[in-house]
Amino acid sequence: MMKKLFNTSIGRLRILAILEGISLIVLVFIAVPLKHVWDIPGLSKSLGPIHGALFLLFVFNALRVGVEQQWKFKEITWKILVACFIPFGTFYIDYKILRKIDKE
């Protein structure tokens, strides 16, 4: 299954969605509270740029795959782009949209 994900552009987008989602959750629910409540900024300083890079990779790849697959922007692409701003959003999009498209 994992090998298949690396072989297709939608599969690679799914991997980025999961990684971006995990980094956002860790950042919001662990790193930021550590920084602001307990004054421990180390995780936030190191994870912030990693999450930023994953976010940009996800956005650019979502746009690239949308053009490549000829998705209608109003039907699929915008939902995928909005999902990366919401904690757990990329997991939902992976489950509801990307997984089904990848099976086709």
N, C-alpha and C. Protein backbone atom coordinates (compact mmCIF):
# COMPACT_ATOMS: atom_id res chain seq x y z
N MET A 1 0.83 -1.20 0.00
CA MET A 1 0.00 0.00 0.00
C MET A 1 0.87 1.26 0.00
N MET A 2 1.88 1.34 0.88
CA MET A 2 2.73 2.53 0.94
C MET A 2 3.47 2.76 -0.36
N LYS A 3 3.91 1.67 -0.99
CA LYS A 3 4.64 1.81 -2.24
C LYS A 3 3.76 2.45 -3.31
N LYS A 4 2.48 2.09 -3.31
CA LYS A 4 1.55 2.66 -4.28
C LYS A 4 1.39 4.17 -4.07
N LEU A 5 1.41 4.60 -2.82
CA LEU A 5 1.25 6.02 -2.53
C LEU A 5 2.40 6.83 -3.12
N PHE A 6 3.60 6.29 -3.10
CA PHE A 6 4.76 7.01 -3.63
C PHE A 6 4.79 7.02 -5.16
N ASN A 7 4.04 6.15 -5.80
CA ASN A 7 4.09 6.02 -7.26
C ASN A 7 3.13 6.94 -8.00
N THR A 8 2.16 7.52 -7.32
CA THR A 8 1.19 8.38 -7.99
C THR A 8 1.23 9.79 -7.40
N SER A 9 0.86 10.77 -8.19
CA SER A 9 0.87 12.15 -7.70
C SER A 9 -0.19 12.35 -6.61
N ILE A 10 -1.33 11.68 -6.74
CA ILE A 10 -2.36 11.79 -5.70
C ILE A 10 -1.88 11.08 -4.43
N GLY A 11 -1.18 9.98 -4.58
CA GLY A 11 -0.62 9.28 -3.43
C GLY A 11 0.38 10.14 -2.68
N ARG A 12 1.24 10.83 -3.42
CA ARG A 12 2.20 11.72 -2.78
C ARG A 12 1.49 12.89 -2.10
N LEU A 13 0.40 13.38 -2.70
CA LEU A 13 -0.38 14.44 -2.07
C LEU A 13 -1.02 13.93 -0.78
N ARG A 14 -1.47 12.69 -0.78
CA ARG A 14 -2.04 12.10 0.43
C ARG A 14 -1.00 12.02 1.55
N ILE A 15 0.22 11.63 1.20
CA ILE A 15 1.30 11.56 2.19
C ILE A 15 1.57 12.95 2.76
N LEU A 16 1.65 13.95 1.89
CA LEU A 16 1.86 15.33 2.36
C LEU A 16 0.71 15.80 3.23
N ALA A 17 -0.51 15.40 2.90
CA ALA A 17 -1.68 15.78 3.71
C ALA A 17 -1.55 15.23 5.12
N ILE A 18 -1.15 13.98 5.23
CA ILE A 18 -1.01 13.37 6.55
C ILE A 18 0.12 14.04 7.34
N LEU A 19 1.26 14.25 6.69
CA LEU A 19 2.39 14.88 7.37
C LEU A 19 2.06 16.31 7.80
N GLU A 20 1.40 17.06 6.93
CA GLU A 20 1.02 18.44 7.25
C GLU A 20 0.01 18.45 8.39
N GLY A 21 -0.93 17.53 8.36
CA GLY A 21 -1.92 17.45 9.42
C GLY A 21 -1.31 17.12 10.77
N ILE A 22 -0.38 16.17 10.78
CA ILE A 22 0.29 15.80 12.03
C ILE A 22 1.10 16.98 12.56
N SER A 23 1.83 17.65 11.67
CA SER A 23 2.65 18.78 12.13
C SER A 23 1.78 19.91 12.68
N LEU A 24 0.62 20.16 12.07
CA LEU A 24 -0.27 21.20 12.58
C LEU A 24 -0.83 20.84 13.95
N ILE A 25 -1.23 19.60 14.11
CA ILE A 25 -1.78 19.17 15.40
C ILE A 25 -0.73 19.26 16.50
N VAL A 26 0.48 18.78 16.23
CA VAL A 26 1.54 18.85 17.23
C VAL A 26 1.87 20.31 17.55
N LEU A 27 1.90 21.14 16.52
CA LEU A 27 2.21 22.55 16.73
C LEU A 27 1.13 23.23 17.59
N VAL A 28 -0.13 23.03 17.23
CA VAL A 28 -1.23 23.73 17.92
C VAL A 28 -1.49 23.18 19.32
N PHE A 29 -1.46 21.86 19.46
CA PHE A 29 -1.87 21.27 20.73
C PHE A 29 -0.73 20.94 21.68
N ILE A 30 0.51 20.94 21.21
CA ILE A 30 1.63 20.62 22.09
C ILE A 30 2.64 21.77 22.14
N ALA A 31 3.17 22.17 20.98
CA ALA A 31 4.25 23.15 20.94
C ALA A 31 3.81 24.54 21.42
N VAL A 32 2.68 25.01 20.97
CA VAL A 32 2.22 26.34 21.37
C VAL A 32 1.87 26.40 22.86
N PRO A 33 1.15 25.41 23.40
CA PRO A 33 0.94 25.45 24.86
C PRO A 33 2.25 25.38 25.66
N LEU A 34 3.19 24.57 25.20
CA LEU A 34 4.49 24.52 25.88
C LEU A 34 5.15 25.90 25.89
N LYS A 35 5.05 26.59 24.77
CA LYS A 35 5.68 27.90 24.66
C LYS A 35 4.99 28.95 25.52
N HIS A 36 3.67 29.01 25.45
CA HIS A 36 2.94 30.10 26.09
C HIS A 36 2.53 29.82 27.53
N VAL A 37 2.31 28.57 27.88
CA VAL A 37 1.88 28.26 29.24
C VAL A 37 3.07 27.97 30.15
N TRP A 38 4.00 27.15 29.65
CA TRP A 38 5.12 26.74 30.49
C TRP A 38 6.44 27.40 30.09
N ASP A 39 6.39 28.33 29.15
CA ASP A 39 7.58 29.08 28.72
C ASP A 39 8.73 28.17 28.26
N ILE A 40 8.36 27.16 27.44
CA ILE A 40 9.35 26.24 26.85
C ILE A 40 9.21 26.38 25.33
N PRO A 41 9.98 27.27 24.69
CA PRO A 41 9.79 27.57 23.27
C PRO A 41 10.52 26.64 22.30
N GLY A 42 11.29 25.68 22.79
CA GLY A 42 12.14 24.87 21.91
C GLY A 42 11.39 24.14 20.81
N LEU A 43 10.32 23.43 21.17
CA LEU A 43 9.58 22.66 20.17
C LEU A 43 8.91 23.57 19.15
N SER A 44 8.38 24.67 19.60
CA SER A 44 7.73 25.62 18.70
C SER A 44 8.73 26.21 17.71
N LYS A 45 9.93 26.53 18.20
CA LYS A 45 10.96 27.10 17.31
C LYS A 45 11.41 26.10 16.26
N SER A 46 11.50 24.84 16.61
CA SER A 46 11.98 23.85 15.65
C SER A 46 10.86 23.33 14.74
N LEU A 47 9.66 23.18 15.28
CA LEU A 47 8.56 22.62 14.49
C LEU A 47 7.89 23.66 13.59
N GLY A 48 7.95 24.92 13.97
CA GLY A 48 7.31 25.98 13.17
C GLY A 48 7.78 25.99 11.72
N PRO A 49 9.09 26.06 11.47
CA PRO A 49 9.57 26.06 10.09
C PRO A 49 9.29 24.74 9.35
N ILE A 50 9.32 23.63 10.08
CA ILE A 50 9.02 22.34 9.45
C ILE A 50 7.57 22.32 8.99
N HIS A 51 6.67 22.77 9.86
CA HIS A 51 5.26 22.83 9.48
C HIS A 51 5.05 23.80 8.32
N GLY A 52 5.75 24.93 8.33
CA GLY A 52 5.62 25.89 7.24
C GLY A 52 6.04 25.30 5.91
N ALA A 53 7.13 24.55 5.91
CA ALA A 53 7.59 23.91 4.67
C ALA A 53 6.59 22.85 4.21
N LEU A 54 6.07 22.05 5.14
CA LEU A 54 5.07 21.03 4.77
C LEU A 54 3.80 21.67 4.24
N PHE A 55 3.40 22.78 4.86
CA PHE A 55 2.22 23.51 4.41
C PHE A 55 2.39 23.98 2.97
N LEU A 56 3.53 24.62 2.69
CA LEU A 56 3.77 25.12 1.33
C LEU A 56 3.85 23.98 0.32
N LEU A 57 4.53 22.89 0.69
CA LEU A 57 4.60 21.73 -0.20
C LEU A 57 3.21 21.18 -0.49
N PHE A 58 2.37 21.12 0.54
CA PHE A 58 1.01 20.62 0.35
C PHE A 58 0.21 21.52 -0.59
N VAL A 59 0.28 22.83 -0.36
CA VAL A 59 -0.48 23.77 -1.19
C VAL A 59 -0.03 23.70 -2.65
N PHE A 60 1.28 23.76 -2.87
CA PHE A 60 1.78 23.72 -4.25
C PHE A 60 1.47 22.39 -4.93
N ASN A 61 1.58 21.29 -4.19
CA ASN A 61 1.26 20.00 -4.78
C ASN A 61 -0.23 19.84 -5.02
N ALA A 62 -1.06 20.39 -4.15
CA ALA A 62 -2.50 20.32 -4.37
C ALA A 62 -2.88 21.07 -5.66
N LEU A 63 -2.28 22.23 -5.85
CA LEU A 63 -2.55 22.99 -7.08
C LEU A 63 -2.02 22.24 -8.31
N ARG A 64 -0.82 21.67 -8.21
CA ARG A 64 -0.22 20.94 -9.32
C ARG A 64 -1.06 19.71 -9.69
N VAL A 65 -1.47 18.95 -8.67
CA VAL A 65 -2.28 17.76 -8.92
C VAL A 65 -3.65 18.16 -9.47
N GLY A 66 -4.20 19.26 -8.97
CA GLY A 66 -5.48 19.74 -9.48
C GLY A 66 -5.43 20.07 -10.96
N VAL A 67 -4.35 20.69 -11.39
CA VAL A 67 -4.18 21.00 -12.82
C VAL A 67 -3.94 19.72 -13.60
N GLU A 68 -3.07 18.87 -13.07
CA GLU A 68 -2.72 17.61 -13.74
C GLU A 68 -3.95 16.71 -13.92
N GLN A 69 -4.77 16.63 -12.89
CA GLN A 69 -5.96 15.76 -12.93
C GLN A 69 -7.19 16.47 -13.53
N GLN A 70 -7.02 17.74 -13.87
CA GLN A 70 -8.09 18.57 -14.44
C GLN A 70 -9.32 18.62 -13.52
N TRP A 71 -9.04 18.82 -12.21
CA TRP A 71 -10.13 18.98 -11.26
C TRP A 71 -10.77 20.33 -11.47
N LYS A 72 -12.08 20.39 -11.29
CA LYS A 72 -12.76 21.68 -11.30
C LYS A 72 -12.48 22.34 -9.95
N PHE A 73 -11.98 23.58 -10.00
CA PHE A 73 -11.54 24.26 -8.79
C PHE A 73 -12.66 24.34 -7.76
N LYS A 74 -13.87 24.67 -8.19
CA LYS A 74 -14.98 24.86 -7.26
C LYS A 74 -15.49 23.55 -6.67
N GLU A 75 -15.15 22.42 -7.27
CA GLU A 75 -15.66 21.14 -6.77
C GLU A 75 -14.67 20.43 -5.84
N ILE A 76 -13.38 20.46 -6.17
CA ILE A 76 -12.42 19.66 -5.40
C ILE A 76 -11.27 20.50 -4.86
N THR A 77 -10.59 21.23 -5.71
CA THR A 77 -9.33 21.87 -5.32
C THR A 77 -9.51 22.83 -4.15
N TRP A 78 -10.53 23.65 -4.14
CA TRP A 78 -10.68 24.61 -3.05
C TRP A 78 -10.92 23.91 -1.72
N LYS A 79 -11.63 22.77 -1.73
CA LYS A 79 -11.86 22.02 -0.48
C LYS A 79 -10.54 21.50 0.08
N ILE A 80 -9.68 21.03 -0.80
CA ILE A 80 -8.39 20.51 -0.37
C ILE A 80 -7.53 21.64 0.19
N LEU A 81 -7.56 22.80 -0.44
CA LEU A 81 -6.76 23.93 0.04
C LEU A 81 -7.26 24.47 1.38
N VAL A 82 -8.56 24.54 1.55
CA VAL A 82 -9.13 25.03 2.81
C VAL A 82 -8.82 24.06 3.96
N ALA A 83 -8.78 22.78 3.65
CA ALA A 83 -8.57 21.77 4.68
C ALA A 83 -7.24 21.93 5.41
N CYS A 84 -6.24 22.44 4.75
CA CYS A 84 -4.93 22.54 5.41
C CYS A 84 -4.87 23.66 6.44
N PHE A 85 -5.89 24.48 6.53
CA PHE A 85 -5.94 25.54 7.54
C PHE A 85 -6.64 25.08 8.82
N ILE A 86 -7.28 23.93 8.78
CA ILE A 86 -8.09 23.45 9.90
C ILE A 86 -7.43 22.23 10.53
N PRO A 87 -7.24 22.23 11.85
CA PRO A 87 -6.73 21.00 12.47
C PRO A 87 -7.65 19.82 12.16
N PHE A 88 -7.09 18.72 11.79
CA PHE A 88 -7.77 17.50 11.36
C PHE A 88 -8.38 17.62 9.97
N GLY A 89 -8.29 18.78 9.33
CA GLY A 89 -8.88 18.98 8.00
C GLY A 89 -8.24 18.12 6.92
N THR A 90 -6.93 17.99 6.96
CA THR A 90 -6.26 17.19 5.92
C THR A 90 -6.59 15.71 6.07
N PHE A 91 -6.82 15.27 7.31
CA PHE A 91 -7.21 13.87 7.51
C PHE A 91 -8.60 13.62 6.93
N TYR A 92 -9.49 14.59 7.14
CA TYR A 92 -10.85 14.48 6.61
C TYR A 92 -10.84 14.47 5.08
N ILE A 93 -10.07 15.38 4.48
CA ILE A 93 -9.99 15.45 3.03
C ILE A 93 -9.36 14.18 2.45
N ASP A 94 -8.35 13.65 3.14
CA ASP A 94 -7.75 12.40 2.69
C ASP A 94 -8.78 11.29 2.68
N TYR A 95 -9.57 11.22 3.75
CA TYR A 95 -10.57 10.15 3.87
C TYR A 95 -11.74 10.33 2.90
N LYS A 96 -12.24 11.55 2.76
CA LYS A 96 -13.45 11.79 1.96
C LYS A 96 -13.19 11.98 0.47
N ILE A 97 -12.03 12.56 0.10
CA ILE A 97 -11.82 12.90 -1.31
C ILE A 97 -10.62 12.17 -1.91
N LEU A 98 -9.44 12.38 -1.33
CA LEU A 98 -8.22 11.88 -1.98
C LEU A 98 -8.16 10.36 -2.05
N ARG A 99 -8.60 9.68 -1.01
CA ARG A 99 -8.56 8.21 -1.02
C ARG A 99 -9.44 7.65 -2.13
N LYS A 100 -10.61 8.25 -2.31
CA LYS A 100 -11.52 7.78 -3.36
C LYS A 100 -10.97 8.04 -4.75
N ILE A 101 -10.36 9.21 -4.94
CA ILE A 101 -9.78 9.55 -6.25
C ILE A 101 -8.60 8.64 -6.55
N ASP A 102 -7.79 8.34 -5.52
CA ASP A 102 -6.61 7.50 -5.70
C ASP A 102 -6.99 6.08 -6.09
N LYS A 103 -8.15 5.60 -5.67
CA LYS A 103 -8.60 4.24 -6.01
C LYS A 103 -9.04 4.13 -7.46
N GLU A 104 -9.45 5.25 -8.04
CA GLU A 104 -9.97 5.23 -9.43
C GLU A 104 -8.89 4.95 -10.43
